[in-house]
């Protein structure tokens, strides 16, 4: 048999979602990407504490990893949960979910792989949907509610509205 399915958690923070997914799905592998070293260490401690062998985390900046560090067609799924919305218009160029990152995700995903995005910023959700539509690389999927919550969701549920965007890669 081949390698287990791989899901990537972009910006895995302290690993709450990553660890929960790895525990729920021991038949899959999970890779967390996080740019802050203190968060990477916290995530690694959780993985070690729970004895999880199907989850790993690396300190990395998202776009360079997708451009240079991942083989094409390696991932079955990509999760981008609560990316920084950079709400000021003059900072929008810093937003992760733009054309270049979406193209990199499409290259990293296997045919019919999925991209799952969650944000609490309505304006950013609209911009993401617009970028996705312009890319032509993805088609909408129904949103699933059965995923574990992130630390952010637990902290702010009831206070904020969450905007889920679920996509499947168009078959090549």
C-alpha atoms as a PDB file:
ATOM      1  CA  UNK A   1       0.000   0.000   0.000  1.00  0.00           C
ATOM      2  CA  UNK A   2       1.001   3.628  -0.488  1.00  0.00           C
ATOM      3  CA  UNK A   3       1.656   6.315   2.046  1.00  0.00           C
ATOM      4  CA  UNK A   4      -1.232   7.375   4.273  1.00  0.00           C
ATOM      5  CA  UNK A   5      -3.237  10.438   3.267  1.00  0.00           C
ATOM      6  CA  UNK A   6      -1.521  13.694   4.248  1.00  0.00           C
ATOM      7  CA  UNK A   7      -3.294  16.770   5.597  1.00  0.00           C
ATOM      8  CA  UNK A   8      -1.472  20.050   6.212  1.00  0.00           C
ATOM      9  CA  UNK A   9      -2.466  22.518   8.925  1.00  0.00           C
ATOM     10  CA  UNK A  10      -1.152  25.917   7.842  1.00  0.00           C
ATOM     11  CA  UNK A  11      -0.465  28.140  10.840  1.00  0.00           C
ATOM     12  CA  UNK A  12      -1.137  25.390  13.365  1.00  0.00           C
ATOM     13  CA  UNK A  13      -0.644  27.750  16.335  1.00  0.00           C
ATOM     14  CA  UNK A  14      -0.221  25.639  19.499  1.00  0.00           C
ATOM     15  CA  UNK A  15      -1.517  22.479  17.841  1.00  0.00           C
ATOM     16  CA  UNK A  16      -5.009  22.040  19.333  1.00  0.00           C
ATOM     17  CA  UNK A  17      -6.604  21.291  15.955  1.00  0.00           C
ATOM     18  CA  UNK A  18      -3.593  19.337  14.646  1.00  0.00           C
ATOM     19  CA  UNK A  19      -3.459  17.047  17.686  1.00  0.00           C
ATOM     20  CA  UNK A  20      -7.231  16.521  17.738  1.00  0.00           C
ATOM     21  CA  UNK A  21      -7.278  15.591  14.044  1.00  0.00           C
ATOM     22  CA  UNK A  22      -4.341  13.203  14.459  1.00  0.00           C
ATOM     23  CA  UNK A  23      -6.092  11.511  17.376  1.00  0.00           C
ATOM     24  CA  UNK A  24      -9.374  11.206  15.467  1.00  0.00           C
ATOM     25  CA  UNK A  25      -7.714   9.912  12.303  1.00  0.00           C
ATOM     26  CA  UNK A  26      -4.756   7.626  13.059  1.00  0.00           C
ATOM     27  CA  UNK A  27      -4.941   6.356   9.461  1.00  0.00           C
ATOM     28  CA  UNK A  28      -3.833   9.779   8.165  1.00  0.00           C
ATOM     29  CA  UNK A  29      -0.656  11.810   8.554  1.00  0.00           C
ATOM     30  CA  UNK A  30      -0.738  15.460   9.610  1.00  0.00           C
ATOM     31  CA  UNK A  31       1.850  18.169   9.083  1.00  0.00           C
ATOM     32  CA  UNK A  32       1.602  21.433  10.983  1.00  0.00           C
ATOM     33  CA  UNK A  33       3.325  24.566   9.706  1.00  0.00           C
ATOM     34  CA  UNK A  34       3.953  27.382  12.169  1.00  0.00           C
ATOM     35  CA  UNK A  35       6.276  30.369  11.925  1.00  0.00           C
ATOM     36  CA  UNK A  36       6.651  31.121  15.657  1.00  0.00           C
ATOM     37  CA  UNK A  37       9.177  28.880  17.397  1.00  0.00           C
ATOM     38  CA  UNK A  38       7.439  29.083  20.809  1.00  0.00           C
ATOM     39  CA  UNK A  39       4.231  27.757  19.247  1.00  0.00           C
ATOM     40  CA  UNK A  40       6.135  25.001  17.448  1.00  0.00           C
ATOM     41  CA  UNK A  41       7.572  23.858  20.784  1.00  0.00           C
ATOM     42  CA  UNK A  42       4.146  23.888  22.466  1.00  0.00           C
ATOM     43  CA  UNK A  43       2.729  21.862  19.605  1.00  0.00           C
ATOM     44  CA  UNK A  44       5.596  19.365  19.761  1.00  0.00           C
ATOM     45  CA  UNK A  45       5.064  18.959  23.508  1.00  0.00           C
ATOM     46  CA  UNK A  46       1.376  18.145  22.936  1.00  0.00           C
ATOM     47  CA  UNK A  47       2.272  15.599  20.260  1.00  0.00           C
ATOM     48  CA  UNK A  48       4.831  13.999  22.561  1.00  0.00           C
ATOM     49  CA  UNK A  49       2.559  14.096  25.620  1.00  0.00           C
ATOM     50  CA  UNK A  50      -0.182  12.222  23.789  1.00  0.00           C
ATOM     51  CA  UNK A  51       2.235   9.817  22.083  1.00  0.00           C
ATOM     52  CA  UNK A  52       1.001  10.758  18.629  1.00  0.00           C
ATOM     53  CA  UNK A  53       3.028   9.301  15.792  1.00  0.00           C
ATOM     54  CA  UNK A  54       1.004  10.595  12.825  1.00  0.00           C
ATOM     55  CA  UNK A  55       1.458  14.337  13.469  1.00  0.00           C
ATOM     56  CA  UNK A  56       4.530  16.495  12.998  1.00  0.00           C
ATOM     57  CA  UNK A  57       5.145  20.221  13.103  1.00  0.00           C
ATOM     58  CA  UNK A  58       7.845  22.313  11.480  1.00  0.00           C
ATOM     59  CA  UNK A  59       8.805  25.927  11.892  1.00  0.00           C
ATOM     60  CA  UNK A  60       8.203  27.451   8.510  1.00  0.00           C
ATOM     61  CA  UNK A  61       6.743  30.369   6.648  1.00  0.00           C
ATOM     62  CA  UNK A  62       3.786  29.156   4.634  1.00  0.00           C
ATOM     63  CA  UNK A  63       4.343  30.359   1.091  1.00  0.00           C
ATOM     64  CA  UNK A  64       8.025  29.348   0.783  1.00  0.00           C
ATOM     65  CA  UNK A  65       7.188  25.845   2.050  1.00  0.00           C
ATOM     66  CA  UNK A  66       4.471  25.459  -0.545  1.00  0.00           C
ATOM     67  CA  UNK A  67       6.647  26.890  -3.321  1.00  0.00           C
ATOM     68  CA  UNK A  68       9.900  25.081  -2.528  1.00  0.00           C
ATOM     69  CA  UNK A  69       9.482  22.486   0.218  1.00  0.00           C
ATOM     70  CA  UNK A  70       6.531  20.307  -0.743  1.00  0.00           C
ATOM     71  CA  UNK A  71       6.415  17.916  -3.653  1.00  0.00           C
ATOM     72  CA  UNK A  72       3.653  18.421  -6.183  1.00  0.00           C
ATOM     73  CA  UNK A  73       0.490  16.430  -5.527  1.00  0.00           C
ATOM     74  CA  UNK A  74       1.576  15.370  -2.017  1.00  0.00           C
ATOM     75  CA  UNK A  75      -1.391  16.518   0.086  1.00  0.00           C
ATOM     76  CA  UNK A  76      -4.915  15.198   0.330  1.00  0.00           C
ATOM     77  CA  UNK A  77      -6.067  18.226   2.274  1.00  0.00           C
ATOM     78  CA  UNK A  78      -4.971  21.653   3.474  1.00  0.00           C
ATOM     79  CA  UNK A  79      -6.470  23.479   6.458  1.00  0.00           C
ATOM     80  CA  UNK A  80      -6.011  27.249   6.821  1.00  0.00           C
ATOM     81  CA  UNK A  81      -7.766  28.194  10.037  1.00  0.00           C
ATOM     82  CA  UNK A  82      -8.005  31.825  11.099  1.00  0.00           C
ATOM     83  CA  UNK A  83      -5.231  33.367   9.010  1.00  0.00           C
ATOM     84  CA  UNK A  84      -4.338  36.918   9.959  1.00  0.00           C
ATOM     85  CA  UNK A  85      -6.897  39.104   8.129  1.00  0.00           C
ATOM     86  CA  UNK A  86      -4.675  42.196   8.017  1.00  0.00           C
ATOM     87  CA  UNK A  87      -7.816  44.351   8.160  1.00  0.00           C
ATOM     88  CA  UNK A  88      -6.269  47.692   7.167  1.00  0.00           C
ATOM     89  CA  UNK A  89      -6.447  48.175   3.414  1.00  0.00           C
ATOM     90  CA  UNK A  90      -2.785  49.203   3.222  1.00  0.00           C
ATOM     91  CA  UNK A  91      -1.841  45.800   4.719  1.00  0.00           C
ATOM     92  CA  UNK A  92      -3.973  43.602   2.442  1.00  0.00           C
ATOM     93  CA  UNK A  93      -0.903  42.665   0.385  1.00  0.00           C
ATOM     94  CA  UNK A  94       0.263  40.663   3.443  1.00  0.00           C
ATOM     95  CA  UNK A  95      -2.780  38.389   3.453  1.00  0.00           C
ATOM     96  CA  UNK A  96      -1.914  34.738   2.936  1.00  0.00           C
ATOM     97  CA  UNK A  97      -4.934  33.666   0.909  1.00  0.00           C
ATOM     98  CA  UNK A  98      -4.246  35.388  -2.366  1.00  0.00           C
ATOM     99  CA  UNK A  99      -3.523  34.219  -5.900  1.00  0.00           C
ATOM    100  CA  UNK A 100       0.052  33.002  -5.341  1.00  0.00           C
ATOM    101  CA  UNK A 101      -0.786  30.935  -2.262  1.00  0.00           C
ATOM    102  CA  UNK A 102      -3.927  29.466  -3.854  1.00  0.00           C
ATOM    103  CA  UNK A 103      -1.860  28.427  -6.899  1.00  0.00           C
ATOM    104  CA  UNK A 104       0.718  26.832  -4.575  1.00  0.00           C
ATOM    105  CA  UNK A 105      -2.046  24.952  -2.738  1.00  0.00           C
ATOM    106  CA  UNK A 106      -3.452  23.708  -6.042  1.00  0.00           C
ATOM    107  CA  UNK A 107      -0.008  22.403  -6.976  1.00  0.00           C
ATOM    108  CA  UNK A 108       0.496  20.673  -3.585  1.00  0.00           C
ATOM    109  CA  UNK A 109      -2.927  19.008  -3.570  1.00  0.00           C
ATOM    110  CA  UNK A 110      -3.654  15.637  -5.104  1.00  0.00           C
ATOM    111  CA  UNK A 111      -6.464  15.555  -7.672  1.00  0.00           C
ATOM    112  CA  UNK A 112      -9.775  16.191  -5.872  1.00  0.00           C
ATOM    113  CA  UNK A 113      -7.857  17.246  -2.741  1.00  0.00           C
ATOM    114  CA  UNK A 114      -9.508  19.780  -0.471  1.00  0.00           C
ATOM    115  CA  UNK A 115      -8.719  23.208   0.886  1.00  0.00           C
ATOM    116  CA  UNK A 116     -10.593  24.181   4.052  1.00  0.00           C
ATOM    117  CA  UNK A 117     -10.506  27.812   5.220  1.00  0.00           C
ATOM    118  CA  UNK A 118     -12.047  29.320   8.329  1.00  0.00           C
ATOM    119  CA  UNK A 119     -12.041  33.006   9.281  1.00  0.00           C
ATOM    120  CA  UNK A 120     -13.970  35.325  11.555  1.00  0.00           C
ATOM    121  CA  UNK A 121     -13.438  38.320   9.279  1.00  0.00           C
ATOM    122  CA  UNK A 122     -16.339  38.773   6.825  1.00  0.00           C
ATOM    123  CA  UNK A 123     -14.389  41.114   4.538  1.00  0.00           C
ATOM    124  CA  UNK A 124     -11.499  38.656   4.318  1.00  0.00           C
ATOM    125  CA  UNK A 125     -13.925  35.800   3.622  1.00  0.00           C
ATOM    126  CA  UNK A 126     -15.314  37.804   0.711  1.00  0.00           C
ATOM    127  CA  UNK A 127     -11.825  38.532  -0.624  1.00  0.00           C
ATOM    128  CA  UNK A 128     -10.908  34.848  -0.326  1.00  0.00           C
ATOM    129  CA  UNK A 129     -14.021  33.799  -2.228  1.00  0.00           C
ATOM    130  CA  UNK A 130     -13.204  36.337  -4.947  1.00  0.00           C
ATOM    131  CA  UNK A 131      -9.592  35.084  -5.262  1.00  0.00           C
ATOM    132  CA  UNK A 132     -10.791  31.475  -5.371  1.00  0.00           C
ATOM    133  CA  UNK A 133     -13.314  32.274  -8.108  1.00  0.00           C
ATOM    134  CA  UNK A 134     -10.671  34.104 -10.152  1.00  0.00           C
ATOM    135  CA  UNK A 135      -8.213  31.218  -9.806  1.00  0.00           C
ATOM    136  CA  UNK A 136     -10.568  28.746 -11.460  1.00  0.00           C
ATOM    137  CA  UNK A 137      -8.685  25.935  -9.706  1.00  0.00           C
ATOM    138  CA  UNK A 138     -11.267  25.012  -7.060  1.00  0.00           C
ATOM    139  CA  UNK A 139     -14.934  24.164  -6.795  1.00  0.00           C
ATOM    140  CA  UNK A 140     -17.067  24.627  -3.674  1.00  0.00           C
ATOM    141  CA  UNK A 141     -17.699  21.788  -1.256  1.00  0.00           C
ATOM    142  CA  UNK A 142     -20.309  21.676   1.489  1.00  0.00           C
ATOM    143  CA  UNK A 143     -18.989  22.875   4.849  1.00  0.00           C
ATOM    144  CA  UNK A 144     -18.587  20.104   7.420  1.00  0.00           C
ATOM    145  CA  UNK A 145     -19.198  20.898  11.073  1.00  0.00           C
ATOM    146  CA  UNK A 146     -17.606  17.735  12.476  1.00  0.00           C
ATOM    147  CA  UNK A 147     -14.050  19.079  12.667  1.00  0.00           C
ATOM    148  CA  UNK A 148     -12.467  19.730  16.053  1.00  0.00           C
ATOM    149  CA  UNK A 149     -12.497  23.323  17.188  1.00  0.00           C
ATOM    150  CA  UNK A 150      -9.361  25.402  17.235  1.00  0.00           C
ATOM    151  CA  UNK A 151      -8.258  27.209  20.371  1.00  0.00           C
ATOM    152  CA  UNK A 152      -9.441  30.433  18.707  1.00  0.00           C
ATOM    153  CA  UNK A 153     -12.916  29.005  18.068  1.00  0.00           C
ATOM    154  CA  UNK A 154     -13.274  27.832  21.656  1.00  0.00           C
ATOM    155  CA  UNK A 155     -12.224  31.215  22.964  1.00  0.00           C
ATOM    156  CA  UNK A 156     -14.570  33.253  20.770  1.00  0.00           C
ATOM    157  CA  UNK A 157     -17.547  30.978  20.037  1.00  0.00           C
ATOM    158  CA  UNK A 158     -20.713  32.897  20.735  1.00  0.00           C
ATOM    159  CA  UNK A 159     -18.928  36.239  20.292  1.00  0.00           C
ATOM    160  CA  UNK A 160     -17.968  36.069  16.629  1.00  0.00           C
ATOM    161  CA  UNK A 161     -19.401  34.730  13.422  1.00  0.00           C
ATOM    162  CA  UNK A 162     -17.204  32.215  11.641  1.00  0.00           C
ATOM    163  CA  UNK A 163     -17.046  31.978   7.842  1.00  0.00           C
ATOM    164  CA  UNK A 164     -16.154  28.532   6.545  1.00  0.00           C
ATOM    165  CA  UNK A 165     -14.985  28.021   2.979  1.00  0.00           C
ATOM    166  CA  UNK A 166     -14.585  24.446   1.784  1.00  0.00           C
ATOM    167  CA  UNK A 167     -13.133  23.762  -1.661  1.00  0.00           C
ATOM    168  CA  UNK A 168     -12.115  20.821  -3.801  1.00  0.00           C
ATOM    169  CA  UNK A 169      -9.402  21.007  -6.393  1.00  0.00           C
ATOM    170  CA  UNK A 170     -10.766  20.737  -9.919  1.00  0.00           C
ATOM    171  CA  UNK A 171      -9.585  17.532 -11.531  1.00  0.00           C
ATOM    172  CA  UNK A 172      -6.584  18.327 -13.746  1.00  0.00           C
END
